[in-house]
């Protein structure tokens, strides 16, 4: 049987890093007065979720 653990852990670390970068970019766009609708279209999130990120009610771990 193949040990998939190392690959899974590596992919999870890459996912966590990419997610953190995405949310940082969303916050930067909001700070530059890019509207929630434009960010939602580009990120494939809802305007409401972008609003939560803007208001500090989004994910706490990124």
N, C-alpha and C. Protein backbone atom coordinates (compact mmCIF):
# COMPACT_ATOMS: atom_id res chain seq x y z
N UNK A 1 0.84 -1.18 0.00
CA UNK A 1 0.00 0.00 0.00
C UNK A 1 0.90 1.25 0.00
N UNK A 2 0.50 2.24 -0.77
CA UNK A 2 1.23 3.49 -0.85
C UNK A 2 0.91 4.38 0.33
N UNK A 3 1.92 5.03 0.87
CA UNK A 3 1.71 5.99 1.96
C UNK A 3 1.37 7.34 1.34
N UNK A 4 0.11 7.71 1.39
CA UNK A 4 -0.35 8.97 0.81
C UNK A 4 -0.21 10.15 1.77
N UNK A 5 0.14 9.86 3.00
CA UNK A 5 0.23 10.90 4.02
C UNK A 5 1.11 12.08 3.65
N UNK A 6 2.35 11.85 3.21
CA UNK A 6 3.20 12.99 2.88
C UNK A 6 2.62 13.86 1.76
N UNK A 7 2.04 13.24 0.75
CA UNK A 7 1.45 14.01 -0.36
C UNK A 7 0.24 14.80 0.12
N UNK A 8 -0.58 14.17 0.96
CA UNK A 8 -1.76 14.86 1.48
C UNK A 8 -1.34 16.05 2.34
N UNK A 9 -0.36 15.85 3.21
CA UNK A 9 0.10 16.95 4.05
C UNK A 9 0.70 18.09 3.22
N UNK A 10 1.44 17.75 2.18
CA UNK A 10 2.03 18.77 1.31
C UNK A 10 0.94 19.55 0.57
N UNK A 11 -0.06 18.84 0.07
CA UNK A 11 -1.17 19.52 -0.63
C UNK A 11 -1.96 20.40 0.33
N UNK A 12 -2.14 19.92 1.56
CA UNK A 12 -2.87 20.72 2.54
C UNK A 12 -2.10 21.99 2.87
N UNK A 13 -0.79 21.89 3.01
CA UNK A 13 0.04 23.07 3.28
C UNK A 13 -0.05 24.05 2.12
N UNK A 14 -0.02 23.54 0.90
CA UNK A 14 -0.14 24.41 -0.28
C UNK A 14 -1.50 25.07 -0.32
N UNK A 15 -2.55 24.32 0.00
CA UNK A 15 -3.92 24.86 0.05
C UNK A 15 -4.01 25.98 1.08
N UNK A 16 -3.48 25.74 2.27
CA UNK A 16 -3.54 26.75 3.33
C UNK A 16 -2.80 28.02 2.92
N UNK A 17 -1.65 27.87 2.28
CA UNK A 17 -0.88 29.03 1.83
C UNK A 17 -1.63 29.79 0.75
N UNK A 18 -2.19 29.07 -0.23
CA UNK A 18 -2.94 29.72 -1.31
C UNK A 18 -4.18 30.42 -0.76
N UNK A 19 -4.84 29.80 0.19
CA UNK A 19 -6.04 30.41 0.80
C UNK A 19 -5.67 31.70 1.53
N UNK A 20 -4.58 31.67 2.27
CA UNK A 20 -4.14 32.87 2.98
C UNK A 20 -3.80 33.98 2.00
N UNK A 21 -3.13 33.63 0.89
CA UNK A 21 -2.80 34.63 -0.13
C UNK A 21 -4.06 35.19 -0.77
N UNK A 22 -5.04 34.34 -1.05
CA UNK A 22 -6.30 34.79 -1.64
C UNK A 22 -7.00 35.78 -0.73
N UNK A 23 -7.11 35.46 0.55
CA UNK A 23 -7.82 36.35 1.46
C UNK A 23 -7.04 37.64 1.68
N UNK A 24 -5.73 37.58 1.67
CA UNK A 24 -4.93 38.81 1.76
C UNK A 24 -5.18 39.69 0.54
N UNK A 25 -5.26 39.08 -0.64
CA UNK A 25 -5.53 39.85 -1.86
C UNK A 25 -6.92 40.45 -1.84
N UNK A 26 -7.90 39.71 -1.33
CA UNK A 26 -9.26 40.25 -1.21
C UNK A 26 -9.26 41.45 -0.28
N UNK A 27 -8.59 41.33 0.87
CA UNK A 27 -8.53 42.46 1.79
C UNK A 27 -7.81 43.65 1.17
N UNK A 28 -6.76 43.40 0.39
CA UNK A 28 -6.03 44.48 -0.29
C UNK A 28 -6.93 45.16 -1.32
N UNK A 29 -7.69 44.37 -2.07
CA UNK A 29 -8.61 44.95 -3.05
C UNK A 29 -9.67 45.79 -2.36
N UNK A 30 -10.20 45.31 -1.26
CA UNK A 30 -11.18 46.10 -0.51
C UNK A 30 -10.56 47.41 -0.02
N UNK A 31 -9.33 47.34 0.45
CA UNK A 31 -8.64 48.55 0.93
C UNK A 31 -8.40 49.53 -0.20
N UNK A 32 -8.29 49.04 -1.44
CA UNK A 32 -8.12 49.90 -2.61
C UNK A 32 -9.46 50.31 -3.22
N UNK A 33 -10.53 50.10 -2.45
CA UNK A 33 -11.88 50.50 -2.85
C UNK A 33 -12.43 49.75 -4.06
N UNK A 34 -11.97 48.52 -4.27
CA UNK A 34 -12.59 47.66 -5.27
C UNK A 34 -13.89 47.15 -4.65
N UNK A 35 -14.97 47.21 -5.39
CA UNK A 35 -16.27 46.84 -4.85
C UNK A 35 -16.43 45.35 -4.63
N UNK A 36 -17.31 44.99 -3.69
CA UNK A 36 -17.56 43.58 -3.39
C UNK A 36 -18.05 42.79 -4.60
N UNK A 37 -18.82 43.40 -5.48
CA UNK A 37 -19.32 42.68 -6.64
C UNK A 37 -18.19 42.28 -7.58
N UNK A 38 -17.26 43.19 -7.82
CA UNK A 38 -16.13 42.88 -8.69
C UNK A 38 -15.26 41.79 -8.08
N UNK A 39 -15.01 41.87 -6.79
CA UNK A 39 -14.21 40.85 -6.11
C UNK A 39 -14.94 39.52 -6.14
N UNK A 40 -16.24 39.54 -5.92
CA UNK A 40 -17.03 38.31 -5.94
C UNK A 40 -16.94 37.64 -7.31
N UNK A 41 -17.04 38.42 -8.37
CA UNK A 41 -16.93 37.83 -9.72
C UNK A 41 -15.57 37.18 -9.92
N UNK A 42 -14.52 37.86 -9.49
CA UNK A 42 -13.17 37.34 -9.70
C UNK A 42 -12.84 36.15 -8.80
N UNK A 43 -13.42 36.11 -7.61
CA UNK A 43 -13.07 35.07 -6.65
C UNK A 43 -14.05 33.89 -6.63
N UNK A 44 -15.18 34.09 -7.29
CA UNK A 44 -16.25 33.08 -7.28
C UNK A 44 -16.84 32.89 -5.87
N UNK A 45 -16.74 33.95 -5.05
CA UNK A 45 -17.45 34.01 -3.77
C UNK A 45 -18.66 34.90 -3.96
N UNK A 46 -19.59 34.86 -3.02
CA UNK A 46 -20.74 35.75 -3.10
C UNK A 46 -20.36 37.14 -2.60
N UNK A 47 -21.14 38.13 -3.02
CA UNK A 47 -20.95 39.50 -2.51
C UNK A 47 -21.10 39.51 -1.00
N UNK A 48 -22.02 38.70 -0.52
CA UNK A 48 -22.26 38.65 0.92
C UNK A 48 -21.04 38.13 1.67
N UNK A 49 -20.38 37.13 1.11
CA UNK A 49 -19.19 36.59 1.76
C UNK A 49 -18.05 37.61 1.72
N UNK A 50 -17.92 38.32 0.62
CA UNK A 50 -16.91 39.38 0.53
C UNK A 50 -17.21 40.45 1.57
N UNK A 51 -18.49 40.75 1.76
CA UNK A 51 -18.88 41.71 2.80
C UNK A 51 -18.49 41.24 4.19
N UNK A 52 -18.65 39.95 4.45
CA UNK A 52 -18.23 39.40 5.74
C UNK A 52 -16.73 39.55 5.93
N UNK A 53 -15.97 39.27 4.88
CA UNK A 53 -14.52 39.44 4.96
C UNK A 53 -14.20 40.90 5.25
N UNK A 54 -14.85 41.80 4.53
CA UNK A 54 -14.65 43.24 4.72
C UNK A 54 -14.96 43.66 6.15
N UNK A 55 -16.02 43.09 6.71
CA UNK A 55 -16.47 43.48 8.04
C UNK A 55 -15.78 42.70 9.17
N UNK A 56 -14.81 41.86 8.81
CA UNK A 56 -14.08 41.11 9.82
C UNK A 56 -14.85 39.91 10.36
N UNK A 57 -15.88 39.49 9.66
CA UNK A 57 -16.69 38.35 10.11
C UNK A 57 -16.47 37.12 9.26
N UNK A 58 -15.45 37.17 8.41
CA UNK A 58 -15.11 36.04 7.56
C UNK A 58 -14.25 35.05 8.33
N UNK A 59 -13.48 34.26 7.61
CA UNK A 59 -12.65 33.25 8.27
C UNK A 59 -11.63 33.90 9.21
N UNK A 60 -11.47 33.31 10.36
CA UNK A 60 -10.58 33.87 11.39
C UNK A 60 -9.15 33.39 11.25
N UNK A 61 -8.95 32.30 10.52
CA UNK A 61 -7.63 31.69 10.48
C UNK A 61 -6.78 32.15 9.30
N UNK A 62 -7.24 33.12 8.54
CA UNK A 62 -6.43 33.63 7.42
C UNK A 62 -6.24 35.12 7.51
